[in-house]
Amino acid sequence: GDSPFGDRDWRSVNSWFCSEFVIYCLEQAKFFP
């Protein structure tokens, strides 16, 4: 549910979860139109 650590930004480049890392790489590379 809501993260107990406050607002979490899944795009933060400080640390990663696997699926967020993949979508971030695709998004930054302009894969999505």
PDB file of all heavy atoms in Angstrom:
ATOM      1  N   GLY A   1       0.865  -1.190   0.000  1.00  0.00           N
ATOM      2  CA  GLY A   1       0.000   0.000   0.000  1.00  0.00           C
ATOM      3  C   GLY A   1       0.888   1.220   0.000  1.00  0.00           C
ATOM      4  O   GLY A   1       1.919   1.234  -0.643  1.00  0.00           O
ATOM      5  N   ASP A   2       0.522   2.211   0.738  1.00  0.00           N
ATOM      6  CA  ASP A   2       1.348   3.408   0.824  1.00  0.00           C
ATOM      7  C   ASP A   2       2.628   3.074   1.571  1.00  0.00           C
ATOM      8  O   ASP A   2       2.621   2.402   2.591  1.00  0.00           O
ATOM      9  CB  ASP A   2       0.601   4.527   1.552  1.00  0.00           C
ATOM     10  CG  ASP A   2      -0.588   5.028   0.744  1.00  0.00           C
ATOM     11  OD1 ASP A   2      -0.526   4.921  -0.492  1.00  0.00           O
ATOM     12  OD2 ASP A   2      -1.556   5.500   1.344  1.00  0.00           O
ATOM     13  N   SER A   3       3.732   3.564   1.061  1.00  0.00           N
ATOM     14  CA  SER A   3       5.026   3.290   1.668  1.00  0.00           C
ATOM     15  C   SER A   3       5.133   3.936   3.047  1.00  0.00           C
ATOM     16  O   SER A   3       4.796   5.102   3.208  1.00  0.00           O
ATOM     17  CB  SER A   3       6.136   3.840   0.759  1.00  0.00           C
ATOM     18  OG  SER A   3       7.380   3.716   1.388  1.00  0.00           O
ATOM     19  N   PRO A   4       5.604   3.186   4.054  1.00  0.00           N
ATOM     20  CA  PRO A   4       5.776   3.774   5.388  1.00  0.00           C
ATOM     21  C   PRO A   4       6.950   4.745   5.438  1.00  0.00           C
ATOM     22  O   PRO A   4       7.165   5.405   6.437  1.00  0.00           O
ATOM     23  CB  PRO A   4       6.024   2.552   6.275  1.00  0.00           C
ATOM     24  CG  PRO A   4       6.609   1.535   5.370  1.00  0.00           C
ATOM     25  CD  PRO A   4       5.959   1.779   4.017  1.00  0.00           C
ATOM     26  N   PHE A   5       7.702   4.828   4.342  1.00  0.00           N
ATOM     27  CA  PHE A   5       8.866   5.700   4.296  1.00  0.00           C
ATOM     28  C   PHE A   5       8.542   7.053   3.682  1.00  0.00           C
ATOM     29  O   PHE A   5       9.413   7.783   3.247  1.00  0.00           O
ATOM     30  CB  PHE A   5      10.003   5.028   3.525  1.00  0.00           C
ATOM     31  CG  PHE A   5      10.372   3.692   4.101  1.00  0.00           C
ATOM     32  CD1 PHE A   5      10.088   2.521   3.420  1.00  0.00           C
ATOM     33  CD2 PHE A   5      10.978   3.600   5.344  1.00  0.00           C
ATOM     34  CE1 PHE A   5      10.417   1.290   3.956  1.00  0.00           C
ATOM     35  CE2 PHE A   5      11.309   2.369   5.890  1.00  0.00           C
ATOM     36  CZ  PHE A   5      11.018   1.225   5.192  1.00  0.00           C
ATOM     37  N   GLY A   6       7.269   7.418   3.629  1.00  0.00           N
ATOM     38  CA  GLY A   6       6.872   8.695   3.043  1.00  0.00           C
ATOM     39  C   GLY A   6       6.708   8.576   1.551  1.00  0.00           C
ATOM     40  O   GLY A   6       6.557   7.496   1.006  1.00  0.00           O
ATOM     41  N   ASP A   7       6.730   9.705   0.897  1.00  0.00           N
ATOM     42  CA  ASP A   7       6.588   9.693  -0.555  1.00  0.00           C
ATOM     43  C   ASP A   7       7.799   9.011  -1.184  1.00  0.00           C
ATOM     44  O   ASP A   7       8.934   9.381  -0.927  1.00  0.00           O
ATOM     45  CB  ASP A   7       6.456  11.129  -1.083  1.00  0.00           C
ATOM     46  CG  ASP A   7       5.142  11.767  -0.678  1.00  0.00           C
ATOM     47  OD1 ASP A   7       4.153  11.025  -0.518  1.00  0.00           O
ATOM     48  OD2 ASP A   7       5.113  12.992  -0.517  1.00  0.00           O
ATOM     49  N   ARG A   8       7.530   8.052  -2.013  1.00  0.00           N
ATOM     50  CA  ARG A   8       8.582   7.293  -2.690  1.00  0.00           C
ATOM     51  C   ARG A   8       8.501   7.596  -4.173  1.00  0.00           C
ATOM     52  O   ARG A   8       7.433   7.557  -4.751  1.00  0.00           O
ATOM     53  CB  ARG A   8       8.361   5.803  -2.440  1.00  0.00           C
ATOM     54  CG  ARG A   8       9.401   4.942  -3.077  1.00  0.00           C
ATOM     55  CD  ARG A   8       9.178   3.461  -2.718  1.00  0.00           C
ATOM     56  NE  ARG A   8      10.120   2.686  -3.483  1.00  0.00           N
ATOM     57  CZ  ARG A   8       9.917   2.284  -4.733  1.00  0.00           C
ATOM     58  NH1 ARG A   8       8.784   2.535  -5.345  1.00  0.00           N
ATOM     59  NH2 ARG A   8      10.839   1.610  -5.381  1.00  0.00           N
ATOM     60  N   ASP A   9       9.627   7.895  -4.776  1.00  0.00           N
ATOM     61  CA  ASP A   9       9.698   8.160  -6.213  1.00  0.00           C
ATOM     62  C   ASP A   9      10.353   6.961  -6.877  1.00  0.00           C
ATOM     63  O   ASP A   9      11.551   6.741  -6.718  1.00  0.00           O
ATOM     64  CB  ASP A   9      10.503   9.432  -6.476  1.00  0.00           C
ATOM     65  CG  ASP A   9      10.633   9.758  -7.949  1.00  0.00           C
ATOM     66  OD1 ASP A   9      10.025   9.064  -8.795  1.00  0.00           O
ATOM     67  OD2 ASP A   9      11.355  10.723  -8.261  1.00  0.00           O
ATOM     68  N   TRP A  10       9.564   6.178  -7.615  1.00  0.00           N
ATOM     69  CA  TRP A  10      10.124   4.974  -8.237  1.00  0.00           C
ATOM     70  C   TRP A  10      11.155   5.309  -9.314  1.00  0.00           C
ATOM     71  O   TRP A  10      11.924   4.443  -9.714  1.00  0.00           O
ATOM     72  CB  TRP A  10       9.020   4.068  -8.789  1.00  0.00           C
ATOM     73  CG  TRP A  10       8.276   4.605  -9.978  1.00  0.00           C
ATOM     74  CD1 TRP A  10       7.111   5.299  -9.962  1.00  0.00           C
ATOM     75  CD2 TRP A  10       8.654   4.491 -11.346  1.00  0.00           C
ATOM     76  NE1 TRP A  10       6.740   5.627 -11.239  1.00  0.00           N
ATOM     77  CE2 TRP A  10       7.679   5.138 -12.118  1.00  0.00           C
ATOM     78  CE3 TRP A  10       9.730   3.901 -12.006  1.00  0.00           C
ATOM     79  CZ2 TRP A  10       7.735   5.213 -13.500  1.00  0.00           C
ATOM     80  CZ3 TRP A  10       9.794   3.982 -13.393  1.00  0.00           C
ATOM     81  CH2 TRP A  10       8.803   4.632 -14.125  1.00  0.00           C
ATOM     82  N   ARG A  11      11.211   6.543  -9.760  1.00  0.00           N
ATOM     83  CA  ARG A  11      12.203   6.956 -10.753  1.00  0.00           C
ATOM     84  C   ARG A  11      13.508   7.435 -10.123  1.00  0.00           C
ATOM     85  O   ARG A  11      14.428   7.807 -10.837  1.00  0.00           O
ATOM     86  CB  ARG A  11      11.630   8.068 -11.627  1.00  0.00           C
ATOM     87  CG  ARG A  11      10.542   7.623 -12.584  1.00  0.00           C
ATOM     88  CD  ARG A  11      10.035   8.813 -13.383  1.00  0.00           C
ATOM     89  NE  ARG A  11       9.091   8.441 -14.395  1.00  0.00           N
ATOM     90  CZ  ARG A  11       7.778   8.570 -14.280  1.00  0.00           C
ATOM     91  NH1 ARG A  11       7.250   9.050 -13.166  1.00  0.00           N
ATOM     92  NH2 ARG A  11       6.987   8.225 -15.272  1.00  0.00           N
ATOM     93  N   SER A  12      13.600   7.435  -8.818  1.00  0.00           N
ATOM     94  CA  SER A  12      14.821   7.882  -8.152  1.00  0.00           C
ATOM     95  C   SER A  12      15.999   7.008  -8.581  1.00  0.00           C
ATOM     96  O   SER A  12      15.907   5.780  -8.558  1.00  0.00           O
ATOM     97  CB  SER A  12      14.662   7.808  -6.634  1.00  0.00           C
ATOM     98  OG  SER A  12      15.900   8.039  -6.007  1.00  0.00           O
ATOM     99  N   VAL A  13      17.100   7.626  -8.941  1.00  0.00           N
ATOM    100  CA  VAL A  13      18.262   6.875  -9.407  1.00  0.00           C
ATOM    101  C   VAL A  13      19.200   6.484  -8.261  1.00  0.00           C
ATOM    102  O   VAL A  13      20.312   6.021  -8.509  1.00  0.00           O
ATOM    103  CB  VAL A  13      19.045   7.662 -10.491  1.00  0.00           C
ATOM    104  CG1 VAL A  13      18.199   7.854 -11.730  1.00  0.00           C
ATOM    105  CG2 VAL A  13      19.548   8.979  -9.951  1.00  0.00           C
ATOM    106  N   ASN A  14      18.759   6.635  -7.017  1.00  0.00           N
ATOM    107  CA  ASN A  14      19.599   6.273  -5.868  1.00  0.00           C
ATOM    108  C   ASN A  14      19.604   4.772  -5.600  1.00  0.00           C
ATOM    109  O   ASN A  14      20.596   4.228  -5.114  1.00  0.00           O
ATOM    110  CB  ASN A  14      19.135   7.021  -4.615  1.00  0.00           C
ATOM    111  CG  ASN A  14      19.306   8.510  -4.775  1.00  0.00           C
ATOM    112  OD1 ASN A  14      20.258   8.970  -5.389  1.00  0.00           O
ATOM    113  ND2 ASN A  14      18.371   9.268  -4.240  1.00  0.00           N
ATOM    114  N   SER A  15      18.501   4.096  -5.873  1.00  0.00           N
ATOM    115  CA  SER A  15      18.388   2.651  -5.687  1.00  0.00           C
ATOM    116  C   SER A  15      17.227   2.156  -6.550  1.00  0.00           C
ATOM    117  O   SER A  15      16.374   2.943  -6.953  1.00  0.00           O
ATOM    118  CB  SER A  15      18.168   2.304  -4.214  1.00  0.00           C
ATOM    119  OG  SER A  15      16.978   2.895  -3.745  1.00  0.00           O
ATOM    120  N   TRP A  16      17.211   0.839  -6.810  1.00  0.00           N
ATOM    121  CA  TRP A  16      16.252   0.312  -7.779  1.00  0.00           C
ATOM    122  C   TRP A  16      15.570  -0.963  -7.330  1.00  0.00           C
ATOM    123  O   TRP A  16      16.146  -1.778  -6.612  1.00  0.00           O
ATOM    124  CB  TRP A  16      16.948   0.017  -9.109  1.00  0.00           C
ATOM    125  CG  TRP A  16      17.386   1.244  -9.810  1.00  0.00           C
ATOM    126  CD1 TRP A  16      18.681   1.694  -9.943  1.00  0.00           C
ATOM    127  CD2 TRP A  16      16.558   2.209 -10.445  1.00  0.00           C
ATOM    128  NE1 TRP A  16      18.677   2.872 -10.632  1.00  0.00           N
ATOM    129  CE2 TRP A  16      17.384   3.217 -10.959  1.00  0.00           C
ATOM    130  CE3 TRP A  16      15.181   2.319 -10.638  1.00  0.00           C
ATOM    131  CZ2 TRP A  16      16.893   4.308 -11.646  1.00  0.00           C
ATOM    132  CZ3 TRP A  16      14.687   3.407 -11.323  1.00  0.00           C
ATOM    133  CH2 TRP A  16      15.553   4.386 -11.823  1.00  0.00           C
ATOM    134  N   PHE A  17      14.352  -1.152  -7.831  1.00  0.00           N
ATOM    135  CA  PHE A  17      13.638  -2.430  -7.834  1.00  0.00           C
ATOM    136  C   PHE A  17      13.621  -2.864  -9.296  1.00  0.00           C
ATOM    137  O   PHE A  17      13.542  -2.022 -10.195  1.00  0.00           O
ATOM    138  CB  PHE A  17      12.216  -2.257  -7.272  1.00  0.00           C
ATOM    139  CG  PHE A  17      11.488  -3.548  -7.145  1.00  0.00           C
ATOM    140  CD1 PHE A  17      11.801  -4.430  -6.136  1.00  0.00           C
ATOM    141  CD2 PHE A  17      10.504  -3.899  -8.060  1.00  0.00           C
ATOM    142  CE1 PHE A  17      11.139  -5.654  -6.022  1.00  0.00           C
ATOM    143  CE2 PHE A  17       9.838  -5.107  -7.960  1.00  0.00           C
ATOM    144  CZ  PHE A  17      10.163  -5.983  -6.938  1.00  0.00           C
ATOM    145  N   CYS A  18      13.673  -4.155  -9.572  1.00  0.00           N
ATOM    146  CA  CYS A  18      13.908  -4.660 -10.929  1.00  0.00           C
ATOM    147  C   CYS A  18      12.981  -4.092 -11.997  1.00  0.00           C
ATOM    148  O   CYS A  18      13.438  -3.617 -13.041  1.00  0.00           O
ATOM    149  CB  CYS A  18      13.870  -6.180 -10.942  1.00  0.00           C
ATOM    150  SG  CYS A  18      12.267  -6.909 -10.516  1.00  0.00           S
ATOM    151  N   SER A  19      11.685  -4.145 -11.788  1.00  0.00           N
ATOM    152  CA  SER A  19      10.743  -3.700 -12.826  1.00  0.00           C
ATOM    153  C   SER A  19      10.787  -2.186 -13.000  1.00  0.00           C
ATOM    154  O   SER A  19      10.622  -1.672 -14.112  1.00  0.00           O
ATOM    155  CB  SER A  19       9.325  -4.174 -12.522  1.00  0.00           C
ATOM    156  OG  SER A  19       8.989  -3.948 -11.176  1.00  0.00           O
ATOM    157  N   GLU A  20      11.055  -1.469 -11.911  1.00  0.00           N
ATOM    158  CA  GLU A  20      11.171  -0.004 -12.003  1.00  0.00           C
ATOM    159  C   GLU A  20      12.426   0.384 -12.786  1.00  0.00           C
ATOM    160  O   GLU A  20      12.398   1.317 -13.595  1.00  0.00           O
ATOM    161  CB  GLU A  20      11.191   0.590 -10.595  1.00  0.00           C
ATOM    162  CG  GLU A  20       9.892   0.350  -9.877  1.00  0.00           C
ATOM    163  CD  GLU A  20       9.892   0.701  -8.402  1.00  0.00           C
ATOM    164  OE1 GLU A  20      10.977   0.871  -7.808  1.00  0.00           O
ATOM    165  OE2 GLU A  20       8.787   0.817  -7.850  1.00  0.00           O
ATOM    166  N   PHE A  21      13.498  -0.362 -12.579  1.00  0.00           N
ATOM    167  CA  PHE A  21      14.744  -0.133 -13.318  1.00  0.00           C
ATOM    168  C   PHE A  21      14.510  -0.308 -14.821  1.00  0.00           C
ATOM    169  O   PHE A  21      14.912   0.529 -15.623  1.00  0.00           O
ATOM    170  CB  PHE A  21      15.816  -1.117 -12.815  1.00  0.00           C
ATOM    171  CG  PHE A  21      17.043  -1.181 -13.662  1.00  0.00           C
ATOM    172  CD1 PHE A  21      18.010  -0.188 -13.585  1.00  0.00           C
ATOM    173  CD2 PHE A  21      17.245  -2.241 -14.531  1.00  0.00           C
ATOM    174  CE1 PHE A  21      19.153  -0.253 -14.367  1.00  0.00           C
ATOM    175  CE2 PHE A  21      18.377  -2.321 -15.315  1.00  0.00           C
ATOM    176  CZ  PHE A  21      19.342  -1.320 -15.233  1.00  0.00           C
ATOM    177  N   VAL A  22      13.827  -1.382 -15.202  1.00  0.00           N
ATOM    178  CA  VAL A  22      13.579  -1.656 -16.623  1.00  0.00           C
ATOM    179  C   VAL A  22      12.711  -0.558 -17.240  1.00  0.00           C
ATOM    180  O   VAL A  22      13.040  -0.023 -18.313  1.00  0.00           O
ATOM    181  CB  VAL A  22      12.939  -3.055 -16.813  1.00  0.00           C
ATOM    182  CG1 VAL A  22      12.428  -3.238 -18.236  1.00  0.00           C
ATOM    183  CG2 VAL A  22      13.939  -4.141 -16.445  1.00  0.00           C
ATOM    184  N   ILE A  23      11.627  -0.188 -16.583  1.00  0.00           N
ATOM    185  CA  ILE A  23      10.741   0.847 -17.136  1.00  0.00           C
ATOM    186  C   ILE A  23      11.455   2.190 -17.187  1.00  0.00           C
ATOM    187  O   ILE A  23      11.314   2.944 -18.159  1.00  0.00           O
ATOM    188  CB  ILE A  23       9.416   0.930 -16.341  1.00  0.00           C
ATOM    189  CG1 ILE A  23       8.617  -0.372 -16.512  1.00  0.00           C
ATOM    190  CG2 ILE A  23       8.582   2.132 -16.767  1.00  0.00           C
ATOM    191  CD1 ILE A  23       8.235  -0.718 -17.952  1.00  0.00           C
ATOM    192  N   TYR A  24      12.259   2.507 -16.180  1.00  0.00           N
ATOM    193  CA  TYR A  24      13.040   3.748 -16.197  1.00  0.00           C
ATOM    194  C   TYR A  24      13.967   3.776 -17.418  1.00  0.00           C
ATOM    195  O   TYR A  24      14.041   4.784 -18.131  1.00  0.00           O
ATOM    196  CB  TYR A  24      13.856   3.872 -14.905  1.00  0.00           C
ATOM    197  CG  TYR A  24      14.827   5.024 -14.926  1.00  0.00           C
ATOM    198  CD1 TYR A  24      14.412   6.307 -14.575  1.00  0.00           C
ATOM    199  CD2 TYR A  24      16.155   4.843 -15.289  1.00  0.00           C
ATOM    200  CE1 TYR A  24      15.302   7.375 -14.592  1.00  0.00           C
ATOM    201  CE2 TYR A  24      17.047   5.901 -15.310  1.00  0.00           C
ATOM    202  CZ  TYR A  24      16.620   7.163 -14.966  1.00  0.00           C
ATOM    203  OH  TYR A  24      17.502   8.211 -14.992  1.00  0.00           O
ATOM    204  N   CYS A  25      14.697   2.695 -17.661  1.00  0.00           N
ATOM    205  CA  CYS A  25      15.610   2.645 -18.808  1.00  0.00           C
ATOM    206  C   CYS A  25      14.847   2.835 -20.119  1.00  0.00           C
ATOM    207  O   CYS A  25      15.296   3.585 -21.001  1.00  0.00           O
ATOM    208  CB  CYS A  25      16.381   1.324 -18.827  1.00  0.00           C
ATOM    209  SG  CYS A  25      17.570   1.124 -17.497  1.00  0.00           S
ATOM    210  N   LEU A  26      13.705   2.171 -20.250  1.00  0.00           N
ATOM    211  CA  LEU A  26      12.887   2.318 -21.458  1.00  0.00           C
ATOM    212  C   LEU A  26      12.369   3.748 -21.604  1.00  0.00           C
ATOM    213  O   LEU A  26      12.406   4.326 -22.698  1.00  0.00           O
ATOM    214  CB  LEU A  26      11.711   1.342 -21.416  1.00  0.00           C
ATOM    215  CG  LEU A  26      12.064  -0.135 -21.570  1.00  0.00           C
ATOM    216  CD1 LEU A  26      10.889  -1.010 -21.150  1.00  0.00           C
ATOM    217  CD2 LEU A  26      12.485  -0.441 -22.992  1.00  0.00           C
ATOM    218  N   GLU A  27      11.898   4.308 -20.514  1.00  0.00           N
ATOM    219  CA  GLU A  27      11.351   5.667 -20.536  1.00  0.00           C
ATOM    220  C   GLU A  27      12.436   6.688 -20.899  1.00  0.00           C
ATOM    221  O   GLU A  27      12.217   7.558 -21.753  1.00  0.00           O
ATOM    222  CB  GLU A  27      10.740   5.987 -19.176  1.00  0.00           C
ATOM    223  CG  GLU A  27      10.052   7.332 -19.103  1.00  0.00           C
ATOM    224  CD  GLU A  27       9.438   7.580 -17.737  1.00  0.00           C
ATOM    225  OE1 GLU A  27      10.100   7.334 -16.707  1.00  0.00           O
ATOM    226  OE2 GLU A  27       8.281   8.030 -17.711  1.00  0.00           O
ATOM    227  N   GLN A  28      13.599   6.578 -20.285  1.00  0.00           N
ATOM    228  CA  GLN A  28      14.685   7.526 -20.552  1.00  0.00           C
ATOM    229  C   GLN A  28      15.206   7.417 -21.988  1.00  0.00           C
ATOM    230  O   GLN A  28      15.665   8.400 -22.551  1.00  0.00           O
ATOM    231  CB  GLN A  28      15.837   7.310 -19.555  1.00  0.00           C
ATOM    232  CG  GLN A  28      15.483   7.664 -18.129  1.00  0.00           C
ATOM    233  CD  GLN A  28      15.084   9.115 -17.982  1.00  0.00           C
ATOM    234  OE1 GLN A  28      15.836  10.016 -18.333  1.00  0.00           O
ATOM    235  NE2 GLN A  28      13.880   9.349 -17.480  1.00  0.00           N
ATOM    236  N   ALA A  29      15.132   6.225 -22.563  1.00  0.00           N
ATOM    237  CA  ALA A  29      15.593   5.994 -23.942  1.00  0.00           C
ATOM    238  C   ALA A  29      14.539   6.382 -24.975  1.00  0.00           C
ATOM    239  O   ALA A  29      14.754   6.217 -26.166  1.00  0.00           O
ATOM    240  CB  ALA A  29      15.984   4.534 -24.122  1.00  0.00           C
ATOM    241  N   LYS A  30      13.397   6.890 -24.515  1.00  0.00           N
ATOM    242  CA  LYS A  30      12.288   7.308 -25.389  1.00  0.00           C
ATOM    243  C   LYS A  30      11.680   6.132 -26.151  1.00  0.00           C
ATOM    244  O   LYS A  30      11.242   6.266 -27.291  1.00  0.00           O
ATOM    245  CB  LYS A  30      12.750   8.389 -26.381  1.00  0.00           C
ATOM    246  CG  LYS A  30      13.434   9.582 -25.731  1.00  0.00           C
ATOM    247  CD  LYS A  30      12.454  10.484 -25.068  1.00  0.00           C
ATOM    248  CE  LYS A  30      13.107  11.774 -24.632  1.00  0.00           C
ATOM    249  NZ  LYS A  30      13.110  12.029 -23.229  1.00  0.00           N
ATOM    250  N   PHE A  31      11.666   4.960 -25.505  1.00  0.00           N
ATOM    251  CA  PHE A  31      11.012   3.795 -26.107  1.00  0.00           C
ATOM    252  C   PHE A  31       9.514   4.030 -26.236  1.00  0.00           C
ATOM    253  O   PHE A  31       8.923   3.725 -27.265  1.00  0.00           O
ATOM    254  CB  PHE A  31      11.282   2.542 -25.250  1.00  0.00           C
ATOM    255  CG  PHE A  31      10.493   1.349 -25.684  1.00  0.00           C
ATOM    256  CD1 PHE A  31      10.904   0.585 -26.763  1.00  0.00           C
ATOM    257  CD2 PHE A  31       9.320   0.986 -25.033  1.00  0.00           C
ATOM    258  CE1 PHE A  31      10.165  -0.518 -27.188  1.00  0.00           C
ATOM    259  CE2 PHE A  31       8.571  -0.111 -25.439  1.00  0.00           C
ATOM    260  CZ  PHE A  31       9.001  -0.861 -26.523  1.00  0.00           C
ATOM    261  N   PHE A  32       8.912   4.541 -25.176  1.00  0.00           N
ATOM    262  CA  PHE A  32       7.472   4.783 -25.190  1.00  0.00           C
ATOM    263  C   PHE A  32       7.170   6.035 -26.013  1.00  0.00           C
ATOM    264  O   PHE A  32       7.835   7.052 -25.851  1.00  0.00           O
ATOM    265  CB  PHE A  32       6.933   4.959 -23.764  1.00  0.00           C
ATOM    266  CG  PHE A  32       7.116   3.746 -22.904  1.00  0.00           C
ATOM    267  CD1 PHE A  32       8.108   3.708 -21.940  1.00  0.00           C
ATOM    268  CD2 PHE A  32       6.305   2.631 -23.072  1.00  0.00           C
ATOM    269  CE1 PHE A  32       8.286   2.594 -21.146  1.00  0.00           C
ATOM    270  CE2 PHE A  32       6.476   1.502 -22.282  1.00  0.00           C
ATOM    271  CZ  PHE A  32       7.476   1.480 -21.321  1.00  0.00           C
ATOM    272  N   PRO A  33       6.164   5.983 -26.880  1.00  0.00           N
ATOM    273  CA  PRO A  33       5.842   7.141 -27.721  1.00  0.00           C
ATOM    274  C   PRO A  33       5.018   8.201 -26.991  1.00  0.00           C
ATOM    275  O   PRO A  33       4.515   9.124 -27.615  1.00  0.00           O
ATOM    276  CB  PRO A  33       5.049   6.520 -28.876  1.00  0.00           C
ATOM    277  CG  PRO A  33       4.415   5.312 -28.290  1.00  0.00           C
ATOM    278  CD  PRO A  33       5.370   4.799 -27.247  1.00  0.00           C
TER     279      PRO A  33
END
